[in-house]
N, C-alpha and C. Protein backbone atom coordinates (compact mmCIF):
# COMPACT_ATOMS: atom_id res chain seq x y z
N MET A 1 81.94 46.38 12.93
CA MET A 1 82.18 47.54 13.03
C MET A 1 82.98 47.91 12.21
N ALA A 2 84.35 47.55 12.37
CA ALA A 2 85.75 47.83 11.77
C ALA A 2 85.18 47.38 10.17
N LYS A 3 84.74 46.48 9.63
CA LYS A 3 84.49 46.55 8.35
C LYS A 3 83.76 47.41 7.47
N ALA A 4 82.50 47.79 8.21
CA ALA A 4 81.89 48.67 7.98
C ALA A 4 82.81 50.18 7.67
N GLN A 5 83.50 50.38 8.81
CA GLN A 5 84.27 51.56 8.60
C GLN A 5 85.17 51.72 7.58
N ASP A 6 86.05 50.69 7.00
CA ASP A 6 86.73 50.49 6.32
C ASP A 6 86.11 50.20 5.14
N GLY A 7 84.64 50.67 4.33
CA GLY A 7 83.83 50.56 3.59
C GLY A 7 83.46 51.95 3.53
N ASP A 8 83.49 52.62 4.69
CA ASP A 8 82.59 54.04 4.65
C ASP A 8 81.08 53.38 4.34
N ASP A 9 80.55 52.41 5.26
CA ASP A 9 79.12 51.81 5.03
C ASP A 9 78.53 52.76 5.98
N PHE A 10 78.13 53.97 6.10
CA PHE A 10 77.42 54.52 7.24
C PHE A 10 76.45 53.91 7.59
N GLU A 11 75.51 53.45 6.97
CA GLU A 11 74.16 52.61 7.15
C GLU A 11 74.39 51.94 8.09
N ARG A 12 75.23 50.93 7.95
CA ARG A 12 75.73 49.67 8.64
C ARG A 12 76.03 50.34 10.05
N ILE A 13 77.52 51.23 10.30
CA ILE A 13 77.65 51.69 11.32
C ILE A 13 76.54 52.24 11.93
N ARG A 14 75.36 53.04 11.49
CA ARG A 14 74.45 53.65 12.04
C ARG A 14 73.73 52.54 12.93
N MET A 15 73.27 51.19 11.94
CA MET A 15 72.79 50.24 12.96
C MET A 15 73.18 49.62 13.64
N ILE A 16 74.51 49.04 13.83
CA ILE A 16 75.21 48.81 14.78
C ILE A 16 75.33 49.48 15.90
N ALA A 17 75.25 50.78 15.90
CA ALA A 17 75.21 51.95 17.22
C ALA A 17 74.16 51.84 17.50
N ARG A 18 73.03 52.00 16.68
CA ARG A 18 71.31 51.65 17.02
C ARG A 18 71.54 50.44 18.19
N ARG A 19 72.00 49.42 17.88
CA ARG A 19 71.83 48.24 18.48
C ARG A 19 72.70 48.08 19.77
N LEU A 20 73.84 48.75 19.34
CA LEU A 20 74.50 48.64 20.95
C LEU A 20 73.74 49.79 22.15
N LYS A 21 73.60 50.89 21.45
CA LYS A 21 72.94 52.06 22.28
C LYS A 21 71.34 51.35 23.31
N ALA A 22 70.89 50.39 22.09
CA ALA A 22 69.33 49.90 22.83
C ALA A 22 69.57 48.66 23.83
N ASN A 23 70.62 48.01 23.52
CA ASN A 23 71.41 46.91 24.45
C ASN A 23 72.16 47.43 25.77
N ALA A 24 72.51 48.75 25.67
CA ALA A 24 73.41 49.41 26.71
C ALA A 24 72.10 50.02 27.53
N ARG A 25 71.20 50.36 27.02
CA ARG A 25 70.02 51.16 27.75
C ARG A 25 69.58 49.84 28.35
N ASP A 26 68.94 48.81 27.97
CA ASP A 26 68.51 47.86 28.68
C ASP A 26 69.24 47.24 29.78
N TYR A 27 70.36 46.89 29.83
CA TYR A 27 71.46 46.50 31.01
C TYR A 27 72.05 47.92 31.97
N GLY A 28 71.72 48.93 31.75
CA GLY A 28 72.00 50.13 32.28
C GLY A 28 73.32 50.61 32.53
N PHE A 29 74.10 50.62 31.21
CA PHE A 29 75.12 51.10 30.90
C PHE A 29 75.00 52.49 30.32
N GLU A 30 74.81 53.18 31.02
CA GLU A 30 74.71 54.81 30.36
C GLU A 30 75.65 55.29 29.75
N GLN A 31 77.04 55.09 30.05
CA GLN A 31 78.04 55.70 29.28
C GLN A 31 77.99 54.96 28.22
N VAL A 32 77.88 53.62 28.40
CA VAL A 32 78.02 53.01 26.67
C VAL A 32 76.90 53.22 25.63
N ARG A 33 75.86 53.87 26.27
CA ARG A 33 74.90 54.16 25.60
C ARG A 33 74.87 55.88 24.95
N GLN A 34 75.55 56.44 25.88
CA GLN A 34 76.13 57.87 25.10
C GLN A 34 77.22 57.79 24.16
N LEU A 35 77.91 56.89 24.34
CA LEU A 35 78.94 56.66 23.45
C LEU A 35 78.65 56.20 21.90
N ALA A 36 77.75 54.88 22.16
CA ALA A 36 76.94 54.42 20.60
C ALA A 36 76.10 55.86 20.07
N SER A 37 75.37 56.43 20.93
CA SER A 37 74.55 57.33 20.48
C SER A 37 75.82 58.55 19.74
N LEU A 38 76.98 58.75 19.83
CA LEU A 38 77.66 59.89 19.58
C LEU A 38 78.05 58.98 18.18
N ILE A 39 78.25 57.66 17.95
CA ILE A 39 78.82 56.95 16.97
C ILE A 39 77.66 56.77 15.75
N GLU A 40 76.31 56.68 16.33
CA GLU A 40 74.92 56.61 15.45
C GLU A 40 75.33 58.21 15.06
N HIS A 41 75.46 59.24 15.50
CA HIS A 41 75.32 60.84 15.25
C HIS A 41 76.27 60.90 14.14
N CYS A 42 77.41 60.44 14.32
CA CYS A 42 78.71 60.33 13.33
C CYS A 42 78.22 59.75 11.76
N ALA A 43 78.04 58.64 12.25
CA ALA A 43 77.51 58.11 10.82
C ALA A 43 76.15 58.57 10.22
N ARG A 44 75.17 58.98 10.68
CA ARG A 44 74.06 59.68 10.21
C ARG A 44 74.72 61.09 9.56
N VAL A 45 75.85 61.85 9.81
CA VAL A 45 76.19 62.84 9.06
C VAL A 45 77.15 62.31 7.90
N GLU A 46 77.62 61.15 8.03
CA GLU A 46 78.88 60.57 7.65
C GLU A 46 79.95 61.22 7.50
N ASP A 47 80.50 61.33 8.81
CA ASP A 47 81.95 61.79 8.76
C ASP A 47 83.11 60.98 9.41
N PRO A 48 83.90 59.98 8.50
CA PRO A 48 84.49 59.17 8.68
C PRO A 48 85.82 59.61 9.79
N GLY A 49 86.11 60.64 9.81
CA GLY A 49 87.10 61.04 11.10
C GLY A 49 86.62 60.82 11.81
N ALA A 50 85.40 61.26 12.55
CA ALA A 50 84.48 61.45 13.73
C ALA A 50 84.16 60.10 14.05
N ILE A 51 83.93 59.36 13.20
CA ILE A 51 83.39 57.65 13.35
C ILE A 51 84.71 57.11 14.15
N ARG A 52 85.81 57.41 13.34
CA ARG A 52 86.89 56.25 13.61
C ARG A 52 87.36 57.20 15.18
N GLU A 53 87.19 58.47 15.55
CA GLU A 53 87.44 58.77 16.94
C GLU A 53 86.49 58.52 17.71
N ALA A 54 84.92 58.08 17.45
CA ALA A 54 84.25 57.86 18.41
C ALA A 54 84.14 56.01 18.51
N THR A 55 84.27 55.64 17.52
CA THR A 55 84.55 54.04 17.82
C THR A 55 85.45 53.67 19.11
N ASP A 56 86.96 54.42 19.24
CA ASP A 56 87.71 54.08 20.10
C ASP A 56 87.22 54.31 21.37
N ALA A 57 86.41 55.56 21.69
CA ALA A 57 85.91 55.62 23.02
C ALA A 57 85.30 54.48 23.64
N PRO A 58 84.44 53.66 23.27
CA PRO A 58 83.88 52.42 23.76
C PRO A 58 84.97 51.57 24.01
N GLY A 59 85.85 51.02 23.41
CA GLY A 59 86.69 50.35 23.58
C GLY A 59 87.91 50.71 24.80
N GLN A 60 88.13 52.23 24.76
CA GLN A 60 88.68 52.66 26.16
C GLN A 60 87.98 52.58 27.26
N TYR A 61 86.46 52.65 27.34
CA TYR A 61 85.73 52.74 28.31
C TYR A 61 85.96 51.27 28.86
N VAL A 62 85.73 50.27 28.20
CA VAL A 62 85.58 48.96 28.63
C VAL A 62 87.06 48.47 29.03
N THR A 63 87.99 48.79 28.58
CA THR A 63 89.27 48.30 28.97
C THR A 63 89.44 48.88 30.34
N HIS A 64 88.83 49.97 30.69
CA HIS A 64 89.17 50.83 32.03
C HIS A 64 88.07 50.70 33.26
N VAL A 65 86.94 49.88 32.62
CA VAL A 65 86.13 49.92 33.76
C VAL A 65 86.11 48.81 34.56
N GLN A 66 85.88 49.25 35.55
CA GLN A 66 86.03 48.49 36.72
C GLN A 66 84.75 48.07 37.35
N VAL A 67 84.39 46.46 37.35
CA VAL A 67 83.44 46.00 37.90
C VAL A 67 83.25 45.47 39.31
N ILE A 68 82.28 45.99 40.19
CA ILE A 68 82.25 45.59 41.81
C ILE A 68 81.10 44.76 41.96
N TYR A 69 81.38 43.93 42.15
CA TYR A 69 80.44 43.00 42.42
C TYR A 69 80.22 42.51 43.75
N ARG A 70 78.81 42.72 44.29
CA ARG A 70 78.47 42.78 46.04
C ARG A 70 77.33 41.71 46.10
N ARG A 71 77.25 40.99 46.91
CA ARG A 71 76.51 39.82 47.26
C ARG A 71 75.03 40.65 47.84
N PRO A 72 74.18 40.04 47.73
CA PRO A 72 72.92 40.73 48.33
C PRO A 72 73.26 40.26 50.22
N PRO A 73 72.60 41.01 51.07
CA PRO A 73 72.41 40.55 52.10
C PRO A 73 71.76 39.21 52.57
């Protein structure tokens, strides 16, 4: 996505965000799905500043999320 951002390739950004949104939905990652939806919207309206801000959010989320694994009884 960084290469697409550098070239202001809004269509490519939109496609990547759409795929991320679908995968997040399939795996039940609602927060990631919402963030991908925001990126997709920013690409649709071709706002490079908003795209840069929106693409920072998933990285922040993934960096700070805590995964807790519980074994079934």
